[in-house]
């Protein structure tokens, strides 16, 4: 996994790299994924750096809850009432490619279980 200095999400948060933003507030930013895996694929990232899901502590509980509230709002706003998937990858073996906690909100198609 790249070092935090190479974190593309920090560059998106600072607006050094453009993104198609669907939500922003003082705690998080959400934008369309540039390599979507579904017709709707939005990434929801905290502005606070948390490297992986494994780095979450009790102190982060309000922030993590906020990310989920934002995900539900975005899903409603984007017309995903018939269902969607929310994914958090953790670490290299979990498929995480950016060292910054993020939620994948995906919808607009049927999903199978278990995921690949």
Protein backbone atom coordinates (compact mmCIF):
# COMPACT_ATOMS: atom_id res chain seq x y z
CA UNK A 1 0.00 0.00 0.00
CA UNK A 2 1.41 3.47 -0.84
CA UNK A 3 2.52 5.85 1.89
CA UNK A 4 0.10 8.51 3.15
CA UNK A 5 1.99 11.23 1.26
CA UNK A 6 0.88 9.49 -1.95
CA UNK A 7 -2.75 9.34 -0.85
CA UNK A 8 -4.91 10.43 -3.78
CA UNK A 9 -7.88 10.99 -1.47
CA UNK A 10 -6.01 13.72 0.42
CA UNK A 11 -5.40 15.44 -2.91
CA UNK A 12 -9.12 15.19 -3.72
CA UNK A 13 -10.06 16.58 -0.29
CA UNK A 14 -7.67 19.52 -0.81
CA UNK A 15 -9.09 19.99 -4.35
CA UNK A 16 -5.65 19.45 -5.90
CA UNK A 17 -7.25 16.69 -8.00
CA UNK A 18 -10.75 17.19 -9.44
CA UNK A 19 -13.57 14.81 -8.61
CA UNK A 20 -17.28 14.59 -9.37
CA UNK A 21 -18.42 15.41 -5.82
CA UNK A 22 -21.90 14.37 -4.68
CA UNK A 23 -21.59 15.39 -1.01
CA UNK A 24 -19.25 17.41 1.16
CA UNK A 25 -19.44 18.58 4.74
CA UNK A 26 -16.95 19.33 7.50
CA UNK A 27 -16.33 15.63 8.20
CA UNK A 28 -16.44 13.83 4.87
CA UNK A 29 -16.42 13.99 1.10
CA UNK A 30 -18.24 11.72 -1.37
CA UNK A 31 -17.53 11.48 -5.08
CA UNK A 32 -18.07 9.19 -8.05
CA UNK A 33 -15.42 6.49 -8.48
CA UNK A 34 -13.35 6.95 -11.66
CA UNK A 35 -13.34 3.16 -12.21
CA UNK A 36 -16.93 2.23 -11.34
CA UNK A 37 -17.85 -1.39 -10.65
CA UNK A 38 -21.59 -0.64 -10.90
CA UNK A 39 -23.78 1.94 -12.66
CA UNK A 40 -23.63 3.96 -9.43
CA UNK A 41 -20.31 3.79 -7.57
CA UNK A 42 -19.59 6.52 -5.04
CA UNK A 43 -16.67 6.66 -2.61
CA UNK A 44 -17.34 8.20 0.81
CA UNK A 45 -14.20 9.26 2.65
CA UNK A 46 -13.60 10.90 6.01
CA UNK A 47 -11.55 14.10 5.92
CA UNK A 48 -9.71 12.81 8.98
CA UNK A 49 -7.01 10.33 7.98
CA UNK A 50 -7.74 6.82 9.18
CA UNK A 51 -5.49 4.48 7.24
CA UNK A 52 -7.65 1.33 7.35
CA UNK A 53 -10.81 0.02 8.96
CA UNK A 54 -8.48 -1.74 11.39
CA UNK A 55 -7.38 1.71 12.62
CA UNK A 56 -10.84 2.65 13.89
CA UNK A 57 -11.11 3.28 17.63
CA UNK A 58 -13.97 4.18 19.96
CA UNK A 59 -13.04 7.83 19.38
CA UNK A 60 -14.03 7.43 15.71
CA UNK A 61 -17.54 6.09 16.43
CA UNK A 62 -19.37 9.40 15.74
CA UNK A 63 -17.46 9.86 12.48
CA UNK A 64 -18.10 6.29 11.29
CA UNK A 65 -21.78 6.68 12.11
CA UNK A 66 -21.83 9.93 10.13
CA UNK A 67 -20.31 8.18 7.09
CA UNK A 68 -23.15 5.65 7.18
CA UNK A 69 -25.82 8.35 7.50
CA UNK A 70 -24.27 10.14 4.51
CA UNK A 71 -24.20 6.86 2.54
CA UNK A 72 -27.92 6.32 3.16
CA UNK A 73 -28.72 9.90 2.11
CA UNK A 74 -26.67 9.61 -1.08
CA UNK A 75 -28.32 6.27 -1.91
CA UNK A 76 -31.76 7.91 -1.58
CA UNK A 77 -30.66 10.95 -3.59
CA UNK A 78 -29.30 8.75 -6.39
CA UNK A 79 -32.45 6.62 -6.61
CA UNK A 80 -31.13 3.41 -5.10
CA UNK A 81 -34.29 2.64 -3.10
CA UNK A 82 -34.42 -0.87 -4.60
CA UNK A 83 -31.10 -1.75 -2.98
CA UNK A 84 -27.39 -1.08 -2.92
CA UNK A 85 -24.16 -2.45 -1.52
CA UNK A 86 -21.86 -0.71 0.94
CA UNK A 87 -18.30 -2.09 1.06
CA UNK A 88 -15.24 -1.32 3.16
CA UNK A 89 -12.02 -3.03 2.08
CA UNK A 90 -9.31 -3.36 4.72
CA UNK A 91 -5.64 -3.89 3.97
CA UNK A 92 -3.92 -5.42 0.97
CA UNK A 93 -5.56 -8.85 1.29
CA UNK A 94 -8.94 -7.17 1.69
CA UNK A 95 -8.52 -5.35 -1.61
CA UNK A 96 -7.80 -1.87 -0.22
CA UNK A 97 -5.72 0.11 -2.74
CA UNK A 98 -5.73 3.59 -1.16
CA UNK A 99 -4.39 3.93 2.43
CA UNK A 100 -7.36 5.98 3.61
CA UNK A 101 -10.56 4.50 5.02
CA UNK A 102 -13.39 4.71 2.48
CA UNK A 103 -16.82 3.29 1.84
CA UNK A 104 -17.88 2.11 -1.60
CA UNK A 105 -21.57 2.79 -2.24
CA UNK A 106 -22.61 0.75 -5.28
CA UNK A 107 -26.00 0.25 -6.89
CA UNK A 108 -28.00 0.26 -10.07
CA UNK A 109 -27.53 -3.46 -10.73
CA UNK A 110 -28.09 -6.82 -9.01
CA UNK A 111 -25.29 -8.09 -6.78
CA UNK A 112 -24.52 -11.71 -5.91
CA UNK A 113 -23.24 -13.30 -2.72
CA UNK A 114 -20.56 -13.99 -1.81
CA UNK A 115 -18.69 -11.14 -3.47
CA UNK A 116 -15.53 -12.05 -5.42
